[in-house]
Protein backbone atom coordinates (compact mmCIF):
# COMPACT_ATOMS: atom_id res chain seq x y z
CA MET A 1 53.64 -25.79 33.52
CA LYS A 2 53.76 -24.02 29.96
CA GLN A 3 52.78 -20.09 29.90
CA PRO A 4 50.16 -19.34 27.49
CA GLN A 5 51.42 -16.99 24.37
CA ASN A 6 50.59 -13.75 23.98
CA LYS A 7 48.67 -13.59 21.05
CA SER A 8 48.45 -10.17 19.03
CA PHE A 9 44.93 -9.41 17.51
CA PRO A 10 43.65 -7.22 14.45
CA ALA A 11 42.58 -3.57 16.64
CA LYS A 12 38.67 -3.32 15.99
CA GLU A 13 37.67 -0.86 13.88
CA ILE A 14 34.74 1.07 14.89
CA GLY A 15 32.67 3.51 13.38
CA LEU A 16 31.13 6.78 15.34
CA TYR A 17 28.22 7.72 14.16
CA PHE A 18 27.47 11.13 15.86
CA GLY A 19 24.03 13.05 16.11
CA SER A 20 21.37 14.72 17.98
CA PHE A 21 19.28 11.99 17.10
CA ASN A 22 16.34 14.20 17.71
CA PRO A 23 14.63 11.57 16.86
CA VAL A 24 16.63 8.41 15.65
CA HIS A 25 14.84 7.36 12.19
CA ILE A 26 15.08 4.73 9.97
CA GLY A 27 17.14 6.96 7.86
CA HIS A 28 20.27 6.63 10.71
CA LEU A 29 19.34 2.85 10.88
CA VAL A 30 19.70 2.12 6.74
CA ILE A 31 23.03 4.40 6.95
CA ALA A 32 24.53 2.72 9.94
CA ASN A 33 23.72 -0.40 8.26
CA TYR A 34 25.21 0.15 4.65
CA ILE A 35 27.95 1.87 6.64
CA VAL A 36 28.91 -1.73 9.14
CA GLU A 37 28.53 -3.90 6.10
CA PHE A 38 30.06 -2.44 3.04
CA THR A 39 33.29 0.26 4.69
CA GLY A 40 35.16 -3.01 6.64
CA LEU A 41 34.11 -1.94 10.15
CA ASP A 42 33.47 -4.20 13.04
CA GLU A 43 30.98 -2.36 14.91
CA LEU A 44 29.21 1.32 14.86
CA TRP A 45 28.30 3.29 17.61
CA PHE A 46 25.59 6.10 17.85
CA VAL A 47 27.39 8.86 19.89
CA VAL A 48 24.31 10.76 20.87
CA SER A 49 24.95 14.44 21.03
CA PRO A 50 24.02 16.53 24.48
CA GLN A 51 25.02 19.89 22.33
CA ASN A 52 26.17 20.17 18.91
CA PRO A 53 28.14 23.37 19.17
CA HIS A 54 26.10 24.41 15.59
CA LYS A 55 22.70 23.78 16.80
CA GLN A 56 20.63 25.62 19.06
CA LYS A 57 20.13 23.91 22.82
CA ALA A 58 16.43 24.90 22.74
CA ASN A 59 15.68 22.47 19.65
CA LEU A 60 16.70 19.60 21.21
CA LEU A 61 14.59 17.14 23.13
CA ASN A 62 15.68 16.05 26.54
CA ASP A 63 19.09 14.26 26.12
CA TYR A 64 17.77 10.84 28.28
CA ASP A 65 14.71 10.72 26.02
CA ARG A 66 16.78 10.81 22.44
CA LEU A 67 19.23 8.64 24.63
CA GLU A 68 16.60 5.82 25.23
CA MET A 69 15.42 5.97 21.92
CA VAL A 70 18.32 5.09 20.38
CA GLN A 71 18.77 2.68 22.79
CA LEU A 72 15.08 1.29 21.51
CA ALA A 73 16.26 1.21 17.99
CA VAL A 74 19.44 -1.03 18.02
CA GLU A 75 19.07 -3.13 20.95
CA SER A 76 18.52 -6.00 19.04
CA ASP A 77 21.56 -5.47 16.69
CA ASN A 78 24.60 -6.52 17.82
CA ARG A 79 26.35 -4.59 15.21
CA PHE A 80 25.72 -1.26 16.94
CA LYS A 81 26.07 0.20 20.26
CA VAL A 82 24.92 3.37 21.96
CA SER A 83 27.19 5.89 23.69
CA ASP A 84 26.50 8.60 26.09
CA ILE A 85 30.00 10.05 26.09
CA GLU A 86 29.42 13.41 25.41
CA PHE A 87 26.93 13.86 28.41
CA PHE A 88 29.80 13.67 30.86
CA LEU A 89 32.18 16.22 28.54
CA PRO A 90 32.62 20.00 28.78
CA LYS A 91 29.87 21.77 26.64
CA PRO A 92 29.86 22.52 24.22
CA SER A 93 31.05 18.85 22.56
CA TYR A 94 33.36 18.83 20.03
CA THR A 95 34.51 15.83 18.17
CA VAL A 96 37.91 15.87 18.34
CA ASP A 97 37.55 15.87 22.09
CA THR A 98 35.49 13.14 22.15
CA LEU A 99 37.77 11.01 20.40
CA ALA A 100 40.39 11.76 22.40
CA HIS A 101 38.74 10.65 25.45
CA LEU A 102 37.31 7.43 23.50
CA LYS A 103 41.04 6.36 22.27
CA ASP A 104 41.85 6.88 25.91
CA ARG A 105 39.47 4.71 27.41
CA ASN A 106 39.47 1.69 24.18
CA PRO A 107 43.02 2.24 23.35
CA GLN A 108 42.87 -1.17 21.40
CA LYS A 109 40.56 -0.09 19.02
CA GLU A 110 40.88 2.21 15.85
CA PHE A 111 38.26 4.94 15.60
CA LYS A 112 36.67 6.39 12.62
CA ILE A 113 33.80 9.19 12.28
CA LEU A 114 30.54 8.77 10.37
CA MET A 115 29.82 12.04 8.33
CA GLY A 116 27.41 13.11 5.93
CA SER A 117 28.44 14.88 2.72
CA ASP A 118 26.64 18.44 3.68
CA ASN A 119 28.93 18.33 6.75
CA LEU A 120 32.12 17.56 4.80
CA GLU A 121 31.56 20.87 3.18
CA SER A 122 31.76 22.63 6.43
CA PHE A 123 34.59 20.77 7.92
CA HIS A 124 37.67 22.56 7.90
CA LYS A 125 35.38 24.98 10.64
CA TRP A 126 35.42 21.66 13.14
CA LYS A 127 38.27 22.29 15.95
CA ASN A 128 41.38 20.62 14.87
CA TYR A 129 39.91 18.98 11.99
CA GLU A 130 43.17 18.05 10.77
CA ALA A 131 43.92 15.94 13.58
CA ILE A 132 40.91 13.92 13.07
CA VAL A 133 41.59 13.22 9.65
CA GLU A 134 45.40 12.40 10.18
CA ASN A 135 44.73 10.37 13.30
CA TYR A 136 41.25 8.33 12.98
CA GLY A 137 39.69 9.05 9.79
CA VAL A 138 36.53 9.75 8.29
CA ILE A 139 34.11 8.02 6.05
CA VAL A 140 31.54 9.92 4.41
CA TYR A 141 28.03 8.94 3.25
CA PRO A 142 26.84 11.14 0.08
CA ARG A 143 23.57 13.34 0.82
CA PRO A 144 21.50 14.16 -2.63
CA GLY A 145 23.42 16.10 -4.98
CA PHE A 146 26.84 15.41 -3.66
CA ASP A 147 29.47 16.54 -5.93
CA GLU A 148 32.59 14.12 -5.00
CA SER A 149 35.00 15.85 -7.42
CA LYS A 150 34.62 18.70 -5.24
CA VAL A 151 36.11 16.84 -2.14
CA ARG A 152 39.96 17.61 -1.37
CA LYS A 153 41.34 14.12 -1.45
CA HIS A 154 43.18 12.38 1.18
CA GLY A 155 43.81 8.64 2.15
CA ASN A 156 41.99 8.88 5.44
CA ILE A 157 38.47 10.34 4.05
CA VAL A 158 36.47 7.64 2.47
CA ILE A 159 33.48 8.28 -0.08
CA ALA A 160 30.71 4.69 1.07
CA GLU A 161 30.28 4.53 -2.65
CA GLY A 162 26.73 3.32 -3.79
CA ALA A 163 25.52 4.04 -0.28
CA PRO A 164 21.54 4.68 -0.02
CA LEU A 165 20.67 8.26 -0.58
CA MET A 166 18.62 9.53 2.31
CA GLU A 167 16.21 12.53 2.37
CA ILE A 168 14.34 11.72 5.41
CA SER A 169 15.25 14.22 8.22
CA SER A 170 14.23 14.57 12.19
CA SER A 171 13.29 17.84 11.69
CA PHE A 172 10.58 16.72 8.52
CA ILE A 173 9.43 14.08 11.48
CA ARG A 174 9.01 16.64 14.23
CA LYS A 175 7.17 19.34 12.10
CA ALA A 176 4.79 16.05 10.92
CA ILE A 177 4.27 15.04 14.74
CA LYS A 178 3.16 18.63 15.59
CA LYS A 179 0.63 19.00 12.68
CA GLY A 180 -0.69 15.65 13.48
CA LYS A 181 0.54 13.10 11.02
CA ASP A 182 1.09 9.60 11.42
CA VAL A 183 5.03 8.91 10.97
CA ARG A 184 4.91 5.64 12.36
CA HIS A 185 6.51 4.25 9.29
CA PHE A 186 9.50 6.88 9.09
CA LEU A 187 10.62 5.09 12.92
CA PRO A 188 11.45 1.90 14.15
CA PRO A 189 8.40 0.46 15.67
CA LYS A 190 9.78 0.73 19.47
CA VAL A 191 11.08 4.51 18.92
CA TRP A 192 7.33 5.33 17.54
CA GLU A 193 5.61 3.74 20.65
CA TYR A 194 7.79 5.50 22.76
CA ILE A 195 7.09 8.93 21.03
CA ASP A 196 3.42 7.89 20.86
CA LYS A 197 3.03 7.23 24.24
CA LYS A 198 5.15 9.98 26.10
CA GLY A 199 3.44 12.45 23.27
CA LEU A 200 6.63 13.57 22.41
CA TYR A 201 7.17 16.71 19.58
CA GLU A 202 3.10 17.11 19.68
CA GLN A 203 4.02 21.00 20.85
């Protein structure tokens, strides 16, 4: 009997969108949609962070509420996945450590991180940032006021040219809800329903 030949398939390119997603909103989804369609990625994974080293834990909603809202936001789109890997890693979470764990679990996949241009300015302060650039790569989406000429050129740092400039923020939404404002159209419908039903961000 003839043995099947081993076929070599190209590694899938996965973009990793790290964030607190407190809460996830339409701006996140617009960026994710653009990046996965216009940068050649096969998938984009939302990596929900339980604790960002640069943010106060006290400002974060319950980890599993934020995870559930991201799952509700992307559940009908097979281009997107949600990862809770950082929930099970030492705190605080550092991107280079998370990447190492993901690569160990998924050796056949190639990972790139998605980063806003505002974070790019402080990227040199990240733990082992050189290893992230050299071993994985970075896709940068511009924020309003971004000056590309100030970016140090590197083949593994790609600017997402033409990406929509998003000024919606999770902090704006939290503050608006606390003031009793109706922000339903800033959020995916199921996320708005989840927040409204549970009375999140009202205090």
